[in-house]
C-alpha atoms as a PDB file:
ATOM      1  CA  UNK A   1     -27.226  90.167 -66.994  1.00  0.00           C
ATOM      2  CA  UNK A   2     -24.794  87.457 -67.959  1.00  0.00           C
ATOM      3  CA  UNK A   3     -21.724  88.148 -70.077  1.00  0.00           C
ATOM      4  CA  UNK A   4     -19.676  85.825 -72.214  1.00  0.00           C
ATOM      5  CA  UNK A   5     -16.277  86.974 -71.097  1.00  0.00           C
ATOM      6  CA  UNK A   6     -14.618  83.822 -72.374  1.00  0.00           C
ATOM      7  CA  UNK A   7     -15.938  84.478 -75.914  1.00  0.00           C
ATOM      8  CA  UNK A   8     -14.350  87.923 -76.212  1.00  0.00           C
ATOM      9  CA  UNK A   9     -10.962  86.704 -77.431  1.00  0.00           C
ATOM     10  CA  UNK A  10     -12.563  84.444 -79.999  1.00  0.00           C
ATOM     11  CA  UNK A  11     -14.662  87.332 -81.340  1.00  0.00           C
ATOM     12  CA  UNK A  12     -11.619  89.633 -81.525  1.00  0.00           C
ATOM     13  CA  UNK A  13      -9.724  87.019 -83.550  1.00  0.00           C
ATOM     14  CA  UNK A  14     -12.743  86.433 -85.813  1.00  0.00           C
ATOM     15  CA  UNK A  15     -13.138  90.151 -86.622  1.00  0.00           C
ATOM     16  CA  UNK A  16      -9.381  90.590 -87.089  1.00  0.00           C
ATOM     17  CA  UNK A  17      -9.209  87.697 -89.561  1.00  0.00           C
ATOM     18  CA  UNK A  18     -12.301  88.955 -91.433  1.00  0.00           C
ATOM     19  CA  UNK A  19     -10.459  92.249 -91.907  1.00  0.00           C
ATOM     20  CA  UNK A  20      -7.228  90.453 -92.933  1.00  0.00           C
ATOM     21  CA  UNK A  21      -5.257  92.071 -90.121  1.00  0.00           C
ATOM     22  CA  UNK A  22      -2.356  90.654 -88.122  1.00  0.00           C
ATOM     23  CA  UNK A  23      -2.602  90.437 -84.339  1.00  0.00           C
ATOM     24  CA  UNK A  24       0.598  92.492 -84.123  1.00  0.00           C
ATOM     25  CA  UNK A  25      -1.076  95.341 -86.050  1.00  0.00           C
ATOM     26  CA  UNK A  26      -4.065  95.392 -83.682  1.00  0.00           C
ATOM     27  CA  UNK A  27      -1.690  95.249 -80.696  1.00  0.00           C
ATOM     28  CA  UNK A  28       0.266  98.214 -82.069  1.00  0.00           C
ATOM     29  CA  UNK A  29      -2.893 100.247 -82.698  1.00  0.00           C
ATOM     30  CA  UNK A  30      -4.284  99.424 -79.232  1.00  0.00           C
ATOM     31  CA  UNK A  31      -0.894 100.097 -77.618  1.00  0.00           C
ATOM     32  CA  UNK A  32      -0.649  96.658 -75.995  1.00  0.00           C
ATOM     33  CA  UNK A  33       2.069  94.030 -76.283  1.00  0.00           C
ATOM     34  CA  UNK A  34       1.912  91.265 -78.879  1.00  0.00           C
ATOM     35  CA  UNK A  35       2.027  88.758 -76.017  1.00  0.00           C
ATOM     36  CA  UNK A  36      -1.021  90.269 -74.313  1.00  0.00           C
ATOM     37  CA  UNK A  37      -2.896  90.357 -77.618  1.00  0.00           C
ATOM     38  CA  UNK A  38      -2.122  86.671 -78.175  1.00  0.00           C
ATOM     39  CA  UNK A  39      -3.225  85.704 -74.652  1.00  0.00           C
ATOM     40  CA  UNK A  40      -6.510  87.613 -75.087  1.00  0.00           C
ATOM     41  CA  UNK A  41      -7.278  86.011 -78.468  1.00  0.00           C
ATOM     42  CA  UNK A  42      -6.393  82.556 -77.155  1.00  0.00           C
ATOM     43  CA  UNK A  43      -8.643  82.904 -74.100  1.00  0.00           C
ATOM     44  CA  UNK A  44      -5.692  82.767 -71.722  1.00  0.00           C
ATOM     45  CA  UNK A  45      -6.444  86.140 -70.128  1.00  0.00           C
ATOM     46  CA  UNK A  46      -9.374  88.509 -69.858  1.00  0.00           C
ATOM     47  CA  UNK A  47      -8.588  92.106 -70.859  1.00  0.00           C
ATOM     48  CA  UNK A  48      -9.355  95.083 -68.645  1.00  0.00           C
ATOM     49  CA  UNK A  49     -12.160  97.296 -69.931  1.00  0.00           C
ATOM     50  CA  UNK A  50      -9.806 100.076 -71.177  1.00  0.00           C
ATOM     51  CA  UNK A  51      -7.675  97.519 -73.038  1.00  0.00           C
ATOM     52  CA  UNK A  52     -10.756  95.838 -74.510  1.00  0.00           C
ATOM     53  CA  UNK A  53     -12.147  99.172 -75.718  1.00  0.00           C
ATOM     54  CA  UNK A  54      -8.777 100.075 -77.264  1.00  0.00           C
ATOM     55  CA  UNK A  55      -8.736  96.760 -79.126  1.00  0.00           C
ATOM     56  CA  UNK A  56     -12.337  97.231 -80.320  1.00  0.00           C
ATOM     57  CA  UNK A  57     -11.437 100.719 -81.594  1.00  0.00           C
ATOM     58  CA  UNK A  58      -8.359  99.243 -83.311  1.00  0.00           C
ATOM     59  CA  UNK A  59     -10.620  96.768 -85.097  1.00  0.00           C
ATOM     60  CA  UNK A  60     -12.753  99.718 -86.263  1.00  0.00           C
ATOM     61  CA  UNK A  61     -16.026  98.188 -85.076  1.00  0.00           C
ATOM     62  CA  UNK A  62     -18.847  99.694 -83.050  1.00  0.00           C
ATOM     63  CA  UNK A  63     -18.517  98.695 -79.358  1.00  0.00           C
ATOM     64  CA  UNK A  64     -22.279  98.132 -79.088  1.00  0.00           C
ATOM     65  CA  UNK A  65     -22.375  95.669 -81.975  1.00  0.00           C
ATOM     66  CA  UNK A  66     -19.232  93.957 -80.643  1.00  0.00           C
ATOM     67  CA  UNK A  67     -20.780  93.344 -77.222  1.00  0.00           C
ATOM     68  CA  UNK A  68     -24.130  92.279 -78.718  1.00  0.00           C
ATOM     69  CA  UNK A  69     -22.306  89.675 -80.801  1.00  0.00           C
ATOM     70  CA  UNK A  70     -20.773  88.004 -77.727  1.00  0.00           C
ATOM     71  CA  UNK A  71     -23.875  88.057 -75.518  1.00  0.00           C
ATOM     72  CA  UNK A  72     -25.876  84.856 -75.027  1.00  0.00           C
ATOM     73  CA  UNK A  73     -29.104  84.243 -76.917  1.00  0.00           C
ATOM     74  CA  UNK A  74     -30.901  83.332 -73.732  1.00  0.00           C
ATOM     75  CA  UNK A  75     -30.554  81.025 -70.782  1.00  0.00           C
ATOM     76  CA  UNK A  76     -30.835  77.266 -70.806  1.00  0.00           C
ATOM     77  CA  UNK A  77     -31.798  74.578 -68.308  1.00  0.00           C
ATOM     78  CA  UNK A  78     -29.217  72.090 -69.567  1.00  0.00           C
ATOM     79  CA  UNK A  79     -27.066  71.537 -72.621  1.00  0.00           C
ATOM     80  CA  UNK A  80     -26.441  68.402 -74.645  1.00  0.00           C
ATOM     81  CA  UNK A  81     -23.518  68.881 -76.986  1.00  0.00           C
ATOM     82  CA  UNK A  82     -22.947  66.280 -79.693  1.00  0.00           C
ATOM     83  CA  UNK A  83     -19.437  65.703 -81.102  1.00  0.00           C
ATOM     84  CA  UNK A  84     -20.665  67.007 -84.466  1.00  0.00           C
ATOM     85  CA  UNK A  85     -21.317  70.365 -82.743  1.00  0.00           C
ATOM     86  CA  UNK A  86     -17.777  70.752 -81.364  1.00  0.00           C
ATOM     87  CA  UNK A  87     -16.020  73.757 -82.842  1.00  0.00           C
ATOM     88  CA  UNK A  88     -12.381  73.475 -83.879  1.00  0.00           C
ATOM     89  CA  UNK A  89     -10.495  76.363 -82.302  1.00  0.00           C
ATOM     90  CA  UNK A  90      -6.968  77.733 -82.333  1.00  0.00           C
ATOM     91  CA  UNK A  91      -5.368  78.328 -78.954  1.00  0.00           C
ATOM     92  CA  UNK A  92      -1.971  79.241 -80.355  1.00  0.00           C
ATOM     93  CA  UNK A  93      -0.829  80.034 -83.880  1.00  0.00           C
ATOM     94  CA  UNK A  94       1.629  77.735 -85.659  1.00  0.00           C
ATOM     95  CA  UNK A  95       1.441  74.818 -83.189  1.00  0.00           C
ATOM     96  CA  UNK A  96       1.489  71.377 -84.801  1.00  0.00           C
ATOM     97  CA  UNK A  97      -0.035  68.310 -83.210  1.00  0.00           C
ATOM     98  CA  UNK A  98      -2.458  70.122 -80.859  1.00  0.00           C
ATOM     99  CA  UNK A  99      -6.127  69.821 -81.880  1.00  0.00           C
ATOM    100  CA  UNK A 100      -8.587  71.785 -79.718  1.00  0.00           C
ATOM    101  CA  UNK A 101     -12.365  71.353 -80.001  1.00  0.00           C
ATOM    102  CA  UNK A 102     -14.559  73.768 -78.044  1.00  0.00           C
ATOM    103  CA  UNK A 103     -17.354  71.882 -76.332  1.00  0.00           C
ATOM    104  CA  UNK A 104     -18.913  74.535 -74.083  1.00  0.00           C
ATOM    105  CA  UNK A 105     -18.353  78.068 -72.904  1.00  0.00           C
ATOM    106  CA  UNK A 106     -20.571  79.587 -70.215  1.00  0.00           C
ATOM    107  CA  UNK A 107     -20.242  82.270 -67.560  1.00  0.00           C
ATOM    108  CA  UNK A 108     -21.683  81.232 -64.214  1.00  0.00           C
ATOM    109  CA  UNK A 109     -22.092  84.506 -62.274  1.00  0.00           C
ATOM    110  CA  UNK A 110     -18.510  84.906 -61.010  1.00  0.00           C
ATOM    111  CA  UNK A 111     -17.000  81.900 -62.795  1.00  0.00           C
ATOM    112  CA  UNK A 112     -16.407  81.601 -66.530  1.00  0.00           C
ATOM    113  CA  UNK A 113     -16.288  78.022 -67.781  1.00  0.00           C
ATOM    114  CA  UNK A 114     -14.760  76.763 -71.010  1.00  0.00           C
ATOM    115  CA  UNK A 115     -14.662  73.052 -71.842  1.00  0.00           C
ATOM    116  CA  UNK A 116     -12.359  71.831 -74.598  1.00  0.00           C
ATOM    117  CA  UNK A 117     -11.493  68.438 -76.060  1.00  0.00           C
ATOM    118  CA  UNK A 118      -7.729  68.369 -76.715  1.00  0.00           C
ATOM    119  CA  UNK A 119      -6.019  65.712 -78.820  1.00  0.00           C
ATOM    120  CA  UNK A 120      -2.231  65.530 -78.543  1.00  0.00           C
ATOM    121  CA  UNK A 121      -0.568  63.859 -81.503  1.00  0.00           C
ATOM    122  CA  UNK A 122       2.510  61.689 -80.844  1.00  0.00           C
ATOM    123  CA  UNK A 123       5.660  63.794 -80.579  1.00  0.00           C
ATOM    124  CA  UNK A 124       3.847  67.135 -80.364  1.00  0.00           C
ATOM    125  CA  UNK A 125       5.431  69.922 -78.366  1.00  0.00           C
ATOM    126  CA  UNK A 126       5.305  73.662 -77.805  1.00  0.00           C
ATOM    127  CA  UNK A 127       6.550  76.242 -75.310  1.00  0.00           C
ATOM    128  CA  UNK A 128       4.964  76.578 -71.878  1.00  0.00           C
ATOM    129  CA  UNK A 129       1.974  78.901 -71.535  1.00  0.00           C
ATOM    130  CA  UNK A 130       0.194  80.660 -68.679  1.00  0.00           C
ATOM    131  CA  UNK A 131      -3.590  81.021 -68.401  1.00  0.00           C
ATOM    132  CA  UNK A 132      -5.657  83.336 -66.180  1.00  0.00           C
ATOM    133  CA  UNK A 133      -7.760  80.367 -65.074  1.00  0.00           C
ATOM    134  CA  UNK A 134      -7.753  77.269 -62.948  1.00  0.00           C
ATOM    135  CA  UNK A 135      -7.467  74.220 -65.187  1.00  0.00           C
ATOM    136  CA  UNK A 136      -8.677  70.660 -64.840  1.00  0.00           C
ATOM    137  CA  UNK A 137      -7.610  67.934 -67.272  1.00  0.00           C
ATOM    138  CA  UNK A 138      -9.260  64.519 -67.521  1.00  0.00           C
ATOM    139  CA  UNK A 139      -7.372  61.963 -69.623  1.00  0.00           C
ATOM    140  CA  UNK A 140      -9.915  60.159 -71.806  1.00  0.00           C
ATOM    141  CA  UNK A 141      -7.467  57.939 -73.688  1.00  0.00           C
ATOM    142  CA  UNK A 142      -3.748  57.462 -74.134  1.00  0.00           C
ATOM    143  CA  UNK A 143      -1.083  58.958 -71.931  1.00  0.00           C
ATOM    144  CA  UNK A 144       0.937  62.154 -71.813  1.00  0.00           C
ATOM    145  CA  UNK A 145       3.432  64.069 -69.735  1.00  0.00           C
ATOM    146  CA  UNK A 146       2.331  67.383 -68.241  1.00  0.00           C
ATOM    147  CA  UNK A 147       4.936  69.961 -67.281  1.00  0.00           C
ATOM    148  CA  UNK A 148       3.846  72.414 -64.571  1.00  0.00           C
ATOM    149  CA  UNK A 149       6.324  74.980 -63.275  1.00  0.00           C
ATOM    150  CA  UNK A 150       9.252  72.787 -64.340  1.00  0.00           C
ATOM    151  CA  UNK A 151       7.891  69.554 -62.832  1.00  0.00           C
ATOM    152  CA  UNK A 152       6.869  66.627 -65.088  1.00  0.00           C
ATOM    153  CA  UNK A 153       3.691  64.716 -64.191  1.00  0.00           C
ATOM    154  CA  UNK A 154       2.936  61.442 -65.997  1.00  0.00           C
ATOM    155  CA  UNK A 155      -0.767  61.041 -66.812  1.00  0.00           C
ATOM    156  CA  UNK A 156      -2.681  58.119 -68.255  1.00  0.00           C
ATOM    157  CA  UNK A 157      -6.266  57.221 -69.110  1.00  0.00           C
ATOM    158  CA  UNK A 158      -8.620  58.008 -66.215  1.00  0.00           C
ATOM    159  CA  UNK A 159      -6.261  60.431 -64.441  1.00  0.00           C
ATOM    160  CA  UNK A 160      -7.420  63.942 -63.512  1.00  0.00           C
ATOM    161  CA  UNK A 161      -5.110  66.920 -63.036  1.00  0.00           C
ATOM    162  CA  UNK A 162      -6.158  70.246 -61.451  1.00  0.00           C
ATOM    163  CA  UNK A 163      -3.851  73.282 -61.170  1.00  0.00           C
ATOM    164  CA  UNK A 164      -3.533  77.060 -61.239  1.00  0.00           C
ATOM    165  CA  UNK A 165      -3.038  77.957 -64.904  1.00  0.00           C
ATOM    166  CA  UNK A 166      -0.950  80.991 -63.961  1.00  0.00           C
ATOM    167  CA  UNK A 167       1.947  78.577 -63.457  1.00  0.00           C
ATOM    168  CA  UNK A 168       3.939  77.906 -66.653  1.00  0.00           C
ATOM    169  CA  UNK A 169       2.574  74.663 -68.095  1.00  0.00           C
ATOM    170  CA  UNK A 170       2.474  72.511 -71.206  1.00  0.00           C
ATOM    171  CA  UNK A 171       1.308  68.997 -72.133  1.00  0.00           C
ATOM    172  CA  UNK A 172       3.657  66.772 -74.130  1.00  0.00           C
ATOM    173  CA  UNK A 173       3.084  63.487 -75.887  1.00  0.00           C
ATOM    174  CA  UNK A 174       6.372  61.578 -76.250  1.00  0.00           C
ATOM    175  CA  UNK A 175       4.411  58.350 -76.745  1.00  0.00           C
ATOM    176  CA  UNK A 176       3.451  56.451 -79.912  1.00  0.00           C
ATOM    177  CA  UNK A 177      -0.327  56.958 -79.736  1.00  0.00           C
ATOM    178  CA  UNK A 178      -2.491  60.102 -79.556  1.00  0.00           C
ATOM    179  CA  UNK A 179      -3.707  61.250 -76.142  1.00  0.00           C
ATOM    180  CA  UNK A 180      -7.181  62.723 -75.667  1.00  0.00           C
ATOM    181  CA  UNK A 181      -8.149  64.874 -72.720  1.00  0.00           C
ATOM    182  CA  UNK A 182     -11.136  66.881 -71.597  1.00  0.00           C
ATOM    183  CA  UNK A 183      -9.954  70.331 -70.474  1.00  0.00           C
ATOM    184  CA  UNK A 184     -11.936  72.579 -68.122  1.00  0.00           C
ATOM    185  CA  UNK A 185     -10.889  76.250 -67.824  1.00  0.00           C
ATOM    186  CA  UNK A 186     -12.415  77.989 -64.778  1.00  0.00           C
ATOM    187  CA  UNK A 187     -12.079  81.771 -65.025  1.00  0.00           C
ATOM    188  CA  UNK A 188     -12.716  83.608 -61.742  1.00  0.00           C
ATOM    189  CA  UNK A 189     -13.366  87.327 -61.347  1.00  0.00           C
END
């Protein structure tokens, strides 16, 4: 049986927003830190089973219906995803200039895959983040600076960057034009 581990955080956020609850309230009820709650909702970490169950209880939903809602509707031979089917997602709250579009999410036995199209507006910035995944970035257009563990890497159209997302990292666009990159998150068990 295949699970959609990478869709758990998205579903938690969706239910929380439907119930008009703050992430901090769910974190308090589940007895986890606000930071952990944020990383789970943003797909930057995968919760342990006890933590996940505590969060589900805090949302006051039936665990069975929660898990059924994140399970796949069947297997597929291949997937063609048109730009009109991309889903705008939030990775972090209150971050200006970062536009994420979810292209694909799929668990492949022991590897979870999430593919995102990220547009960085000129001058955008945020704090560094850490992700429980390996990350690969392919620069489609424009250029940007990528900070990884305090080191700045200059990237331009056609460049590919691969790194361990557990290192503090952040993209920056100090340039005059938007930068577009294809982002691959590889979650391992």
